[in-house]
Amino acid sequence: MAGDAGWALLAVLAVVTELVARRRRGVPPPVGHFGALVARRLPGRLLLLTLWCLTGLHLFARATAHA
């Protein structure tokens, strides 16, 4: 239960940060610009791929553990 609340809080913070970034030019940049900046080089692409796989694996494991 607390874990779900934490994930929901994280999602809300991400949306608020994105909205603030789009309203004001400056810090922090929108998520798309940050992703493009990170994905320009191979180490950044590998990091994004690893994070994406770990997130997917975690969510898949949680979804199948309750079945």
C-alpha atoms as a PDB file:
ATOM      1  CA  MET A   1       0.000   0.000   0.000  1.00  0.00           C
ATOM      2  CA  ALA A   2       2.742   2.463   0.931  1.00  0.00           C
ATOM      3  CA  GLY A   3       4.671   1.471  -2.187  1.00  0.00           C
ATOM      4  CA  ASP A   4       1.697   2.317  -4.389  1.00  0.00           C
ATOM      5  CA  ALA A   5       1.327   5.681  -2.674  1.00  0.00           C
ATOM      6  CA  GLY A   6       5.032   6.337  -3.284  1.00  0.00           C
ATOM      7  CA  TRP A   7       4.723   5.535  -6.989  1.00  0.00           C
ATOM      8  CA  ALA A   8       1.636   7.749  -7.254  1.00  0.00           C
ATOM      9  CA  LEU A   9       3.483  10.588  -5.532  1.00  0.00           C
ATOM     10  CA  LEU A  10       6.420  10.140  -7.909  1.00  0.00           C
ATOM     11  CA  ALA A  11       4.074  10.309 -10.913  1.00  0.00           C
ATOM     12  CA  VAL A  12       2.390  13.467  -9.599  1.00  0.00           C
ATOM     13  CA  LEU A  13       5.776  15.105  -8.984  1.00  0.00           C
ATOM     14  CA  ALA A  14       6.873  14.236 -12.526  1.00  0.00           C
ATOM     15  CA  VAL A  15       3.733  15.794 -14.012  1.00  0.00           C
ATOM     16  CA  VAL A  16       4.058  18.942 -11.879  1.00  0.00           C
ATOM     17  CA  THR A  17       7.740  19.290 -12.808  1.00  0.00           C
ATOM     18  CA  GLU A  18       6.869  18.939 -16.495  1.00  0.00           C
ATOM     19  CA  LEU A  19       4.123  21.557 -16.257  1.00  0.00           C
ATOM     20  CA  VAL A  20       6.409  24.019 -14.457  1.00  0.00           C
ATOM     21  CA  ALA A  21       9.131  23.455 -17.050  1.00  0.00           C
ATOM     22  CA  ARG A  22       6.721  24.172 -19.892  1.00  0.00           C
ATOM     23  CA  ARG A  23       5.368  27.347 -18.291  1.00  0.00           C
ATOM     24  CA  ARG A  24       8.749  28.931 -17.586  1.00  0.00           C
ATOM     25  CA  ARG A  25      11.763  28.751 -19.831  1.00  0.00           C
ATOM     26  CA  GLY A  26      14.654  27.742 -17.654  1.00  0.00           C
ATOM     27  CA  VAL A  27      15.271  25.182 -14.974  1.00  0.00           C
ATOM     28  CA  PRO A  28      14.235  22.379 -15.203  1.00  0.00           C
ATOM     29  CA  PRO A  29      13.998  21.551 -18.903  1.00  0.00           C
ATOM     30  CA  PRO A  30      11.001  19.554 -20.161  1.00  0.00           C
ATOM     31  CA  VAL A  31      11.411  15.782 -19.997  1.00  0.00           C
ATOM     32  CA  GLY A  32      11.705  15.490 -23.777  1.00  0.00           C
ATOM     33  CA  HIS A  33      14.679  17.856 -23.893  1.00  0.00           C
ATOM     34  CA  PHE A  34      16.362  16.039 -21.014  1.00  0.00           C
ATOM     35  CA  GLY A  35      15.803  12.682 -22.705  1.00  0.00           C
ATOM     36  CA  ALA A  36      17.218  13.999 -25.976  1.00  0.00           C
ATOM     37  CA  LEU A  37      20.253  15.350 -24.160  1.00  0.00           C
ATOM     38  CA  VAL A  38      20.922  12.029 -22.430  1.00  0.00           C
ATOM     39  CA  ALA A  39      20.267   9.940 -25.552  1.00  0.00           C
ATOM     40  CA  ARG A  40      22.795  11.795 -27.713  1.00  0.00           C
ATOM     41  CA  ARG A  41      25.675   9.577 -26.637  1.00  0.00           C
ATOM     42  CA  LEU A  42      25.985   5.811 -26.334  1.00  0.00           C
ATOM     43  CA  PRO A  43      26.426   5.677 -22.525  1.00  0.00           C
ATOM     44  CA  GLY A  44      23.254   7.716 -22.103  1.00  0.00           C
ATOM     45  CA  ARG A  45      21.339   5.430 -24.445  1.00  0.00           C
ATOM     46  CA  LEU A  46      22.563   2.382 -22.544  1.00  0.00           C
ATOM     47  CA  LEU A  47      21.540   3.963 -19.242  1.00  0.00           C
ATOM     48  CA  LEU A  48      18.052   4.768 -20.554  1.00  0.00           C
ATOM     49  CA  LEU A  49      17.671   1.254 -21.944  1.00  0.00           C
ATOM     50  CA  THR A  50      18.786  -0.297 -18.649  1.00  0.00           C
ATOM     51  CA  LEU A  51      16.414   1.867 -16.612  1.00  0.00           C
ATOM     52  CA  TRP A  52      13.553   1.099 -18.993  1.00  0.00           C
ATOM     53  CA  CYS A  53      14.213  -2.661 -18.774  1.00  0.00           C
ATOM     54  CA  LEU A  54      14.491  -2.634 -14.986  1.00  0.00           C
ATOM     55  CA  THR A  55      11.267  -0.651 -14.681  1.00  0.00           C
ATOM     56  CA  GLY A  56       9.458  -3.010 -17.047  1.00  0.00           C
ATOM     57  CA  LEU A  57      10.807  -6.067 -15.258  1.00  0.00           C
ATOM     58  CA  HIS A  58       9.750  -4.664 -11.887  1.00  0.00           C
ATOM     59  CA  LEU A  59       6.236  -3.856 -13.085  1.00  0.00           C
ATOM     60  CA  PHE A  60       5.917  -7.243 -14.830  1.00  0.00           C
ATOM     61  CA  ALA A  61       7.051  -9.066 -11.684  1.00  0.00           C
ATOM     62  CA  ARG A  62       4.537  -7.152  -9.561  1.00  0.00           C
ATOM     63  CA  ALA A  63       1.713  -7.761 -12.014  1.00  0.00           C
ATOM     64  CA  THR A  64       2.335 -11.500 -12.229  1.00  0.00           C
ATOM     65  CA  ALA A  65       3.067 -12.031  -8.517  1.00  0.00           C
ATOM     66  CA  HIS A  66      -0.549 -11.298  -7.560  1.00  0.00           C
ATOM     67  CA  ALA A  67      -2.086 -13.532 -10.212  1.00  0.00           C
END
